[in-house]
Amino acid sequence: MVIRENLDLNIEEIYGRICEVLCYEKPIDNEIISKALSVKSNTVSAWRKRNTIPWDSLYVFAKKNKISFTWLIDGSGSMN
Protein backbone atom coordinates (compact mmCIF):
# COMPACT_ATOMS: atom_id res chain seq x y z
CA MET A 1 0.00 0.00 0.00
CA VAL A 2 1.21 3.50 -0.84
CA ILE A 3 0.42 6.76 0.91
CA ARG A 4 -0.89 9.27 -1.62
CA GLU A 5 -1.43 12.99 -1.42
CA ASN A 6 -5.23 12.63 -1.38
CA LEU A 7 -5.06 11.34 2.21
CA ASP A 8 -4.24 14.87 3.41
CA LEU A 9 -0.83 13.73 4.66
CA ASN A 10 2.21 15.83 3.97
CA ILE A 11 4.71 13.41 2.48
CA GLU A 12 7.59 15.86 2.87
CA GLU A 13 6.80 16.11 6.59
CA ILE A 14 7.04 12.32 6.82
CA TYR A 15 10.43 12.48 5.13
CA GLY A 16 11.35 15.22 7.61
CA ARG A 17 10.40 13.02 10.56
CA ILE A 18 12.57 10.22 9.14
CA CYS A 19 15.48 12.67 9.09
CA GLU A 20 14.61 13.78 12.62
CA VAL A 21 14.84 10.18 13.85
CA LEU A 22 18.22 9.90 12.13
CA CYS A 23 19.35 13.26 13.58
CA TYR A 24 19.82 14.88 10.15
CA GLU A 25 19.06 18.50 9.46
CA LYS A 26 17.03 19.71 6.51
CA PRO A 27 17.16 19.90 3.52
CA ILE A 28 15.92 16.36 3.16
CA ASP A 29 18.34 14.35 1.08
CA ASN A 30 17.20 11.40 -1.07
CA GLU A 31 20.37 9.48 -0.19
CA ILE A 32 19.61 9.69 3.55
CA ILE A 33 16.02 8.55 3.02
CA SER A 34 17.08 5.75 0.69
CA LYS A 35 19.53 4.35 3.23
CA ALA A 36 16.96 4.65 6.02
CA LEU A 37 14.31 2.79 4.02
CA SER A 38 16.71 0.34 2.32
CA VAL A 39 15.89 1.41 -1.22
CA LYS A 40 17.81 3.07 -4.05
CA SER A 41 18.11 6.84 -4.13
CA ASN A 42 16.34 7.02 -7.50
CA THR A 43 13.39 5.16 -5.93
CA VAL A 44 13.03 7.90 -3.31
CA SER A 45 13.33 10.50 -6.06
CA ALA A 46 10.44 8.86 -7.92
CA TRP A 47 8.34 8.69 -4.73
CA ARG A 48 8.93 12.38 -4.11
CA LYS A 49 7.97 13.31 -7.67
CA ARG A 50 4.72 11.33 -7.27
CA ASN A 51 4.22 12.55 -3.68
CA THR A 52 3.97 8.97 -2.40
CA ILE A 53 5.69 6.65 0.05
CA PRO A 54 5.00 2.95 0.73
CA TRP A 55 3.34 2.16 4.06
CA ASP A 56 5.33 -1.03 4.48
CA SER A 57 8.65 0.80 4.22
CA LEU A 58 7.51 3.26 6.89
CA TYR A 59 6.28 0.47 9.15
CA VAL A 60 9.59 -1.40 8.94
CA PHE A 61 11.48 1.85 9.60
CA ALA A 62 9.31 2.62 12.65
CA LYS A 63 9.79 -0.87 14.10
CA LYS A 64 13.52 -0.87 13.42
CA ASN A 65 13.96 2.50 15.14
CA LYS A 66 11.45 1.78 17.94
CA ILE A 67 9.32 4.82 17.17
CA SER A 68 5.58 5.30 16.92
CA PHE A 69 4.20 4.51 13.47
CA THR A 70 1.39 7.04 14.08
CA TRP A 71 3.91 9.76 14.93
CA LEU A 72 5.90 8.93 11.80
CA ILE A 73 2.79 9.18 9.61
CA ASP A 74 1.07 12.28 10.98
CA GLY A 75 3.28 13.72 13.71
CA SER A 76 0.69 13.20 16.46
CA GLY A 77 1.59 11.85 19.87
CA SER A 78 5.14 11.18 20.95
CA MET A 79 7.95 9.80 18.84
CA ASN A 80 8.44 6.76 21.07
PDB file of N, CA and C in Angstrom:
ATOM      1  N   MET A   1       0.844  -1.173   0.000  1.00  0.00           N
ATOM      2  CA  MET A   1       0.000   0.000   0.000  1.00  0.00           C
ATOM      3  C   MET A   1       0.892   1.241   0.000  1.00  0.00           C
ATOM      4  N   VAL A   2       0.447   2.262  -0.697  1.00  0.00           N
ATOM      5  CA  VAL A   2       1.214   3.496  -0.836  1.00  0.00           C
ATOM      6  C   VAL A   2       0.394   4.657  -0.300  1.00  0.00           C
ATOM      7  N   ILE A   3       1.057   5.533   0.438  1.00  0.00           N
ATOM      8  CA  ILE A   3       0.416   6.762   0.911  1.00  0.00           C
ATOM      9  C   ILE A   3       0.380   7.727  -0.258  1.00  0.00           C
ATOM     10  N   ARG A   4      -0.749   8.309  -0.526  1.00  0.00           N
ATOM     11  CA  ARG A   4      -0.888   9.271  -1.616  1.00  0.00           C
ATOM     12  C   ARG A   4      -1.345  10.617  -1.066  1.00  0.00           C
ATOM     13  N   GLU A   5      -1.125  11.639  -1.855  1.00  0.00           N
ATOM     14  CA  GLU A   5      -1.430  12.986  -1.423  1.00  0.00           C
ATOM     15  C   GLU A   5      -2.901  13.204  -1.087  1.00  0.00           C
ATOM     16  N   ASN A   6      -3.819  12.414  -1.640  1.00  0.00           N
ATOM     17  CA  ASN A   6      -5.232  12.632  -1.376  1.00  0.00           C
ATOM     18  C   ASN A   6      -5.656  12.212   0.027  1.00  0.00           C
ATOM     19  N   LEU A   7      -4.751  11.692   0.831  1.00  0.00           N
ATOM     20  CA  LEU A   7      -5.063  11.342   2.214  1.00  0.00           C
ATOM     21  C   LEU A   7      -4.816  12.505   3.169  1.00  0.00           C
ATOM     22  N   ASP A   8      -4.519  13.672   2.629  1.00  0.00           N
ATOM     23  CA  ASP A   8      -4.238  14.865   3.414  1.00  0.00           C
ATOM     24  C   ASP A   8      -3.037  14.694   4.337  1.00  0.00           C
ATOM     25  N   LEU A   9      -2.082  13.868   3.928  1.00  0.00           N
ATOM     26  CA  LEU A   9      -0.834  13.725   4.663  1.00  0.00           C
ATOM     27  C   LEU A   9       0.247  14.459   3.893  1.00  0.00           C
ATOM     28  N   ASN A  10       1.112  15.129   4.613  1.00  0.00           N
ATOM     29  CA  ASN A  10       2.207  15.829   3.968  1.00  0.00           C
ATOM     30  C   ASN A  10       3.401  14.882   3.881  1.00  0.00           C
ATOM     31  N   ILE A  11       3.650  14.381   2.695  1.00  0.00           N
ATOM     32  CA  ILE A  11       4.708  13.407   2.482  1.00  0.00           C
ATOM     33  C   ILE A  11       6.072  13.989   2.860  1.00  0.00           C
ATOM     34  N   GLU A  12       6.304  15.244   2.528  1.00  0.00           N
ATOM     35  CA  GLU A  12       7.590  15.864   2.874  1.00  0.00           C
ATOM     36  C   GLU A  12       7.777  15.945   4.382  1.00  0.00           C
ATOM     37  N   GLU A  13       6.690  16.117   5.129  1.00  0.00           N
ATOM     38  CA  GLU A  13       6.796  16.109   6.591  1.00  0.00           C
ATOM     39  C   GLU A  13       7.171  14.719   7.098  1.00  0.00           C
ATOM     40  N   ILE A  14       6.654  13.685   6.451  1.00  0.00           N
ATOM     41  CA  ILE A  14       7.038  12.316   6.821  1.00  0.00           C
ATOM     42  C   ILE A  14       8.526  12.122   6.570  1.00  0.00           C
ATOM     43  N   TYR A  15       8.996  12.558   5.410  1.00  0.00           N
ATOM     44  CA  TYR A  15      10.429  12.477   5.132  1.00  0.00           C
ATOM     45  C   TYR A  15      11.227  13.273   6.173  1.00  0.00           C
ATOM     46  N   GLY A  16      10.700  14.415   6.578  1.00  0.00           N
ATOM     47  CA  GLY A  16      11.348  15.216   7.606  1.00  0.00           C
ATOM     48  C   GLY A  16      11.434  14.496   8.937  1.00  0.00           C
ATOM     49  N   ARG A  17      10.368  13.771   9.305  1.00  0.00           N
ATOM     50  CA  ARG A  17      10.396  13.016  10.560  1.00  0.00           C
ATOM     51  C   ARG A  17      11.402  11.860  10.487  1.00  0.00           C
ATOM     52  N   ILE A  18      11.539  11.257   9.308  1.00  0.00           N
ATOM     53  CA  ILE A  18      12.571  10.222   9.144  1.00  0.00           C
ATOM     54  C   ILE A  18      13.939  10.828   9.413  1.00  0.00           C
ATOM     55  N   CYS A  19      14.195  11.993   8.854  1.00  0.00           N
ATOM     56  CA  CYS A  19      15.481  12.672   9.092  1.00  0.00           C
ATOM     57  C   CYS A  19      15.642  13.047  10.559  1.00  0.00           C
ATOM     58  N   GLU A  20      14.559  13.440  11.201  1.00  0.00           N
ATOM     59  CA  GLU A  20      14.607  13.781  12.625  1.00  0.00           C
ATOM     60  C   GLU A  20      15.035  12.569  13.449  1.00  0.00           C
ATOM     61  N   VAL A  21      14.470  11.413  13.142  1.00  0.00           N
ATOM     62  CA  VAL A  21      14.839  10.183  13.846  1.00  0.00           C
ATOM     63  C   VAL A  21      16.326   9.899  13.652  1.00  0.00           C
ATOM     64  N   LEU A  22      16.823  10.164  12.451  1.00  0.00           N
ATOM     65  CA  LEU A  22      18.222   9.895  12.126  1.00  0.00           C
ATOM     66  C   LEU A  22      19.154  11.032  12.527  1.00  0.00           C
ATOM     67  N   CYS A  23      18.584  12.092  13.124  1.00  0.00           N
ATOM     68  CA  CYS A  23      19.348  13.263  13.580  1.00  0.00           C
ATOM     69  C   CYS A  23      20.024  14.008  12.425  1.00  0.00           C
ATOM     70  N   TYR A  24      19.331  14.095  11.289  1.00  0.00           N
ATOM     71  CA  TYR A  24      19.819  14.876  10.154  1.00  0.00           C
ATOM     72  C   TYR A  24      19.024  16.151  10.064  1.00  0.00           C
ATOM     73  N   GLU A  25      19.706  17.213   9.658  1.00  0.00           N
ATOM     74  CA  GLU A  25      19.060  18.503   9.460  1.00  0.00           C
ATOM     75  C   GLU A  25      18.496  18.576   8.049  1.00  0.00           C
ATOM     76  N   LYS A  26      17.545  19.465   7.852  1.00  0.00           N
ATOM     77  CA  LYS A  26      17.029  19.712   6.509  1.00  0.00           C
ATOM     78  C   LYS A  26      18.085  20.482   5.735  1.00  0.00           C
ATOM     79  N   PRO A  27      18.152  20.451   4.429  1.00  0.00           N
ATOM     80  CA  PRO A  27      17.164  19.897   3.520  1.00  0.00           C
ATOM     81  C   PRO A  27      17.196  18.377   3.502  1.00  0.00           C
ATOM     82  N   ILE A  28      16.069  17.815   3.176  1.00  0.00           N
ATOM     83  CA  ILE A  28      15.924  16.363   3.156  1.00  0.00           C
ATOM     84  C   ILE A  28      16.620  15.820   1.921  1.00  0.00           C
ATOM     85  N   ASP A  29      17.520  14.902   2.147  1.00  0.00           N
ATOM     86  CA  ASP A  29      18.339  14.345   1.075  1.00  0.00           C
ATOM     87  C   ASP A  29      17.831  12.951   0.689  1.00  0.00           C
ATOM     88  N   ASN A  30      17.682  12.708  -0.601  1.00  0.00           N
ATOM     89  CA  ASN A  30      17.200  11.401  -1.066  1.00  0.00           C
ATOM     90  C   ASN A  30      18.117  10.268  -0.634  1.00  0.00           C
ATOM     91  N   GLU A  31      19.402  10.525  -0.575  1.00  0.00           N
ATOM     92  CA  GLU A  31      20.367   9.482  -0.188  1.00  0.00           C
ATOM     93  C   GLU A  31      20.143   9.055   1.263  1.00  0.00           C
ATOM     94  N   ILE A  32      19.881   9.997   2.135  1.00  0.00           N
ATOM     95  CA  ILE A  32      19.614   9.688   3.548  1.00  0.00           C
ATOM     96  C   ILE A  32      18.337   8.851   3.668  1.00  0.00           C
ATOM     97  N   ILE A  33      17.288   9.276   2.977  1.00  0.00           N
ATOM     98  CA  ILE A  33      16.019   8.555   3.016  1.00  0.00           C
ATOM     99  C   ILE A  33      16.187   7.156   2.429  1.00  0.00           C
ATOM    100  N   SER A  34      16.920   7.053   1.329  1.00  0.00           N
ATOM    101  CA  SER A  34      17.085   5.746   0.686  1.00  0.00           C
ATOM    102  C   SER A  34      17.803   4.758   1.599  1.00  0.00           C
ATOM    103  N   LYS A  35      18.824   5.226   2.293  1.00  0.00           N
ATOM    104  CA  LYS A  35      19.534   4.349   3.234  1.00  0.00           C
ATOM    105  C   LYS A  35      18.628   3.961   4.398  1.00  0.00           C
ATOM    106  N   ALA A  36      17.852   4.910   4.885  1.00  0.00           N
ATOM    107  CA  ALA A  36      16.965   4.647   6.023  1.00  0.00           C
ATOM    108  C   ALA A  36      15.880   3.637   5.672  1.00  0.00           C
ATOM    109  N   LEU A  37      15.405   3.671   4.425  1.00  0.00           N
ATOM    110  CA  LEU A  37      14.312   2.794   4.016  1.00  0.00           C
ATOM    111  C   LEU A  37      14.786   1.601   3.186  1.00  0.00           C
ATOM    112  N   SER A  38      16.095   1.474   3.050  1.00  0.00           N
ATOM    113  CA  SER A  38      16.709   0.345   2.325  1.00  0.00           C
ATOM    114  C   SER A  38      16.232   0.232   0.880  1.00  0.00           C
ATOM    115  N   VAL A  39      16.227   1.371   0.201  1.00  0.00           N
ATOM    116  CA  VAL A  39      15.888   1.408  -1.217  1.00  0.00           C
ATOM    117  C   VAL A  39      16.931   2.258  -1.946  1.00  0.00           C
ATOM    118  N   LYS A  40      16.884   2.256  -3.260  1.00  0.00           N
ATOM    119  CA  LYS A  40      17.808   3.067  -4.048  1.00  0.00           C
ATOM    120  C   LYS A  40      17.384   4.532  -4.011  1.00  0.00           C
ATOM    121  N   SER A  41      18.363   5.402  -4.157  1.00  0.00           N
ATOM    122  CA  SER A  41      18.108   6.839  -4.132  1.00  0.00           C
ATOM    123  C   SER A  41      17.134   7.259  -5.231  1.00  0.00           C
ATOM    124  N   ASN A  42      17.251   6.648  -6.416  1.00  0.00           N
ATOM    125  CA  ASN A  42      16.335   7.025  -7.499  1.00  0.00           C
ATOM    126  C   ASN A  42      14.895   6.584  -7.204  1.00  0.00           C
ATOM    127  N   THR A  43      14.724   5.572  -6.358  1.00  0.00           N
ATOM    128  CA  THR A  43      13.385   5.161  -5.931  1.00  0.00           C
ATOM    129  C   THR A  43      12.753   6.257  -5.086  1.00  0.00           C
ATOM    130  N   VAL A  44      13.522   6.794  -4.157  1.00  0.00           N
ATOM    131  CA  VAL A  44      13.029   7.898  -3.314  1.00  0.00           C
ATOM    132  C   VAL A  44      12.719   9.109  -4.183  1.00  0.00           C
ATOM    133  N   SER A  45      13.564   9.383  -5.151  1.00  0.00           N
ATOM    134  CA  SER A  45      13.328  10.503  -6.060  1.00  0.00           C
ATOM    135  C   SER A  45      11.991  10.336  -6.782  1.00  0.00           C
ATOM    136  N   ALA A  46      11.716   9.129  -7.248  1.00  0.00           N
ATOM    137  CA  ALA A  46      10.442   8.861  -7.924  1.00  0.00           C
ATOM    138  C   ALA A  46       9.271   9.021  -6.964  1.00  0.00           C
ATOM    139  N   TRP A  47       9.406   8.527  -5.732  1.00  0.00           N
ATOM    140  CA  TRP A  47       8.343   8.689  -4.733  1.00  0.00           C
ATOM    141  C   TRP A  47       8.052  10.162  -4.510  1.00  0.00           C
ATOM    142  N   ARG A  48       9.113  10.961  -4.388  1.00  0.00           N
ATOM    143  CA  ARG A  48       8.930  12.385  -4.107  1.00  0.00           C
ATOM    144  C   ARG A  48       8.256  13.085  -5.275  1.00  0.00           C
ATOM    145  N   LYS A  49       8.604  12.711  -6.489  1.00  0.00           N
ATOM    146  CA  LYS A  49       7.968  13.312  -7.667  1.00  0.00           C
ATOM    147  C   LYS A  49       6.478  12.973  -7.706  1.00  0.00           C
ATOM    148  N   ARG A  50       6.119  11.760  -7.276  1.00  0.00           N
ATOM    149  CA  ARG A  50       4.720  11.327  -7.270  1.00  0.00           C
ATOM    150  C   ARG A  50       4.006  11.666  -5.957  1.00  0.00           C
ATOM    151  N   ASN A  51       4.761  12.208  -5.008  1.00  0.00           N
ATOM    152  CA  ASN A  51       4.224  12.554  -3.681  1.00  0.00           C
ATOM    153  C   ASN A  51       3.621  11.320  -3.001  1.00  0.00           C
ATOM    154  N   THR A  52       4.397  10.221  -3.001  1.00  0.00           N
ATOM    155  CA  THR A  52       3.970   8.966  -2.403  1.00  0.00           C
ATOM    156  C   THR A  52       5.086   8.382  -1.543  1.00  0.00           C
ATOM    157  N   ILE A  53       4.708   7.418  -0.724  1.00  0.00           N
ATOM    158  CA  ILE A  53       5.687   6.654   0.047  1.00  0.00           C
ATOM    159  C   ILE A  53       5.001   5.366   0.505  1.00  0.00           C
ATOM    160  N   PRO A  54       5.641   4.210   0.356  1.00  0.00           N
ATOM    161  CA  PRO A  54       5.000   2.948   0.734  1.00  0.00           C
ATOM    162  C   PRO A  54       4.826   2.793   2.252  1.00  0.00           C
ATOM    163  N   TRP A  55       3.630   2.397   2.654  1.00  0.00           N
ATOM    164  CA  TRP A  55       3.343   2.161   4.063  1.00  0.00           C
ATOM    165  C   TRP A  55       4.280   1.128   4.661  1.00  0.00           C
ATOM    166  N   ASP A  56       4.512   0.045   3.923  1.00  0.00           N
ATOM    167  CA  ASP A  56       5.327  -1.034   4.485  1.00  0.00           C
ATOM    168  C   ASP A  56       6.746  -0.585   4.790  1.00  0.00           C
ATOM    169  N   SER A  57       7.305   0.271   3.957  1.00  0.00           N
ATOM    170  CA  SER A  57       8.649   0.801   4.224  1.00  0.00           C
ATOM    171  C   SER A  57       8.659   1.640   5.496  1.00  0.00           C
ATOM    172  N   LEU A  58       7.608   2.430   5.679  1.00  0.00           N
ATOM    173  CA  LEU A  58       7.511   3.262   6.888  1.00  0.00           C
ATOM    174  C   LEU A  58       7.325   2.397   8.134  1.00  0.00           C
ATOM    175  N   TYR A  59       6.523   1.360   8.011  1.00  0.00           N
ATOM    176  CA  TYR A  59       6.279   0.471   9.150  1.00  0.00           C
ATOM    177  C   TYR A  59       7.567  -0.224   9.587  1.00  0.00           C
ATOM    178  N   VAL A  60       8.316  -0.741   8.626  1.00  0.00           N
ATOM    179  CA  VAL A  60       9.588  -1.399   8.939  1.00  0.00           C
ATOM    180  C   VAL A  60      10.547  -0.402   9.576  1.00  0.00           C
ATOM    181  N   PHE A  61      10.607   0.818   9.038  1.00  0.00           N
ATOM    182  CA  PHE A  61      11.479   1.854   9.600  1.00  0.00           C
ATOM    183  C   PHE A  61      11.092   2.166  11.042  1.00  0.00           C
ATOM    184  N   ALA A  62       9.784   2.309  11.296  1.00  0.00           N
ATOM    185  CA  ALA A  62       9.306   2.617  12.653  1.00  0.00           C
ATOM    186  C   ALA A  62       9.674   1.500  13.625  1.00  0.00           C
ATOM    187  N   LYS A  63       9.454   0.269  13.229  1.00  0.00           N
ATOM    188  CA  LYS A  63       9.787  -0.865  14.102  1.00  0.00           C
ATOM    189  C   LYS A  63      11.289  -0.940  14.355  1.00  0.00           C
ATOM    190  N   LYS A  64      12.064  -0.797  13.317  1.00  0.00           N
ATOM    191  CA  LYS A  64      13.524  -0.870  13.422  1.00  0.00           C
ATOM    192  C   LYS A  64      14.077   0.196  14.365  1.00  0.00           C
ATOM    193  N   ASN A  65      13.476   1.383  14.334  1.00  0.00           N
ATOM    194  CA  ASN A  65      13.960   2.499  15.139  1.00  0.00           C
ATOM    195  C   ASN A  65      13.179   2.690  16.435  1.00  0.00           C
ATOM    196  N   LYS A  66      12.236   1.772  16.702  1.00  0.00           N
ATOM    197  CA  LYS A  66      11.446   1.784  17.939  1.00  0.00           C
ATOM    198  C   LYS A  66      10.743   3.120  18.166  1.00  0.00           C
ATOM    199  N   ILE A  67      10.092   3.576  17.089  1.00  0.00           N
ATOM    200  CA  ILE A  67       9.322   4.815  17.173  1.00  0.00           C
ATOM    201  C   ILE A  67       7.863   4.509  16.843  1.00  0.00           C
ATOM    202  N   SER A  68       7.002   5.444  17.173  1.00  0.00           N
ATOM    203  CA  SER A  68       5.575   5.304  16.918  1.00  0.00           C
ATOM    204  C   SER A  68       5.282   5.444  15.422  1.00  0.00           C
ATOM    205  N   PHE A  69       4.600   4.457  14.870  1.00  0.00           N
ATOM    206  CA  PHE A  69       4.196   4.514  13.468  1.00  0.00           C
ATOM    207  C   PHE A  69       3.246   5.693  13.239  1.00  0.00           C
ATOM    208  N   THR A  70       2.334   5.915  14.185  1.00  0.00           N
ATOM    209  CA  THR A  70       1.394   7.039  14.079  1.00  0.00           C
ATOM    210  C   THR A  70       2.138   8.360  14.038  1.00  0.00           C
ATOM    211  N   TRP A  71       3.120   8.534  14.919  1.00  0.00           N
ATOM    212  CA  TRP A  71       3.908   9.763  14.926  1.00  0.00           C
ATOM    213  C   TRP A  71       4.624   9.936  13.581  1.00  0.00           C
ATOM    214  N   LEU A  72       5.188   8.862  13.070  1.00  0.00           N
ATOM    215  CA  LEU A  72       5.897   8.933  11.799  1.00  0.00           C
ATOM    216  C   LEU A  72       4.972   9.378  10.675  1.00  0.00           C
ATOM    217  N   ILE A  73       3.745   8.865  10.666  1.00  0.00           N
ATOM    218  CA  ILE A  73       2.793   9.184   9.609  1.00  0.00           C
ATOM    219  C   ILE A  73       2.253  10.596   9.717  1.00  0.00           C
ATOM    220  N   ASP A  74       1.753  10.965  10.899  1.00  0.00           N
ATOM    221  CA  ASP A  74       1.065  12.276  10.977  1.00  0.00           C
ATOM    222  C   ASP A  74       1.626  13.241  12.020  1.00  0.00           C
ATOM    223  N   GLY A  75       2.649  12.829  12.742  1.00  0.00           N
ATOM    224  CA  GLY A  75       3.278  13.717  13.713  1.00  0.00           C
ATOM    225  C   GLY A  75       2.537  13.836  15.032  1.00  0.00           C
ATOM    226  N   SER A  76       1.443  13.090  15.207  1.00  0.00           N
ATOM    227  CA  SER A  76       0.692  13.196  16.458  1.00  0.00           C
ATOM    228  C   SER A  76       1.270  12.265  17.526  1.00  0.00           C
ATOM    229  N   GLY A  77       1.082  12.648  18.758  1.00  0.00           N
ATOM    230  CA  GLY A  77       1.592  11.851  19.867  1.00  0.00           C
ATOM    231  C   GLY A  77       3.099  12.018  20.006  1.00  0.00           C
ATOM    232  N   SER A  78       3.697  11.099  20.741  1.00  0.00           N
ATOM    233  CA  SER A  78       5.141  11.180  20.955  1.00  0.00           C
ATOM    234  C   SER A  78       5.866  10.273  19.965  1.00  0.00           C
ATOM    235  N   MET A  79       7.132  10.564  19.778  1.00  0.00           N
ATOM    236  CA  MET A  79       7.947   9.801  18.844  1.00  0.00           C
ATOM    237  C   MET A  79       8.082   8.342  19.280  1.00  0.00           C
ATOM    238  N   ASN A  80       8.215   8.125  20.576  1.00  0.00           N
ATOM    239  CA  ASN A  80       8.441   6.758  21.072  1.00  0.00           C
ATOM    240  C   ASN A  80       7.189   6.129  21.601  1.00  0.00           C
TER     241      ASN A  80
END
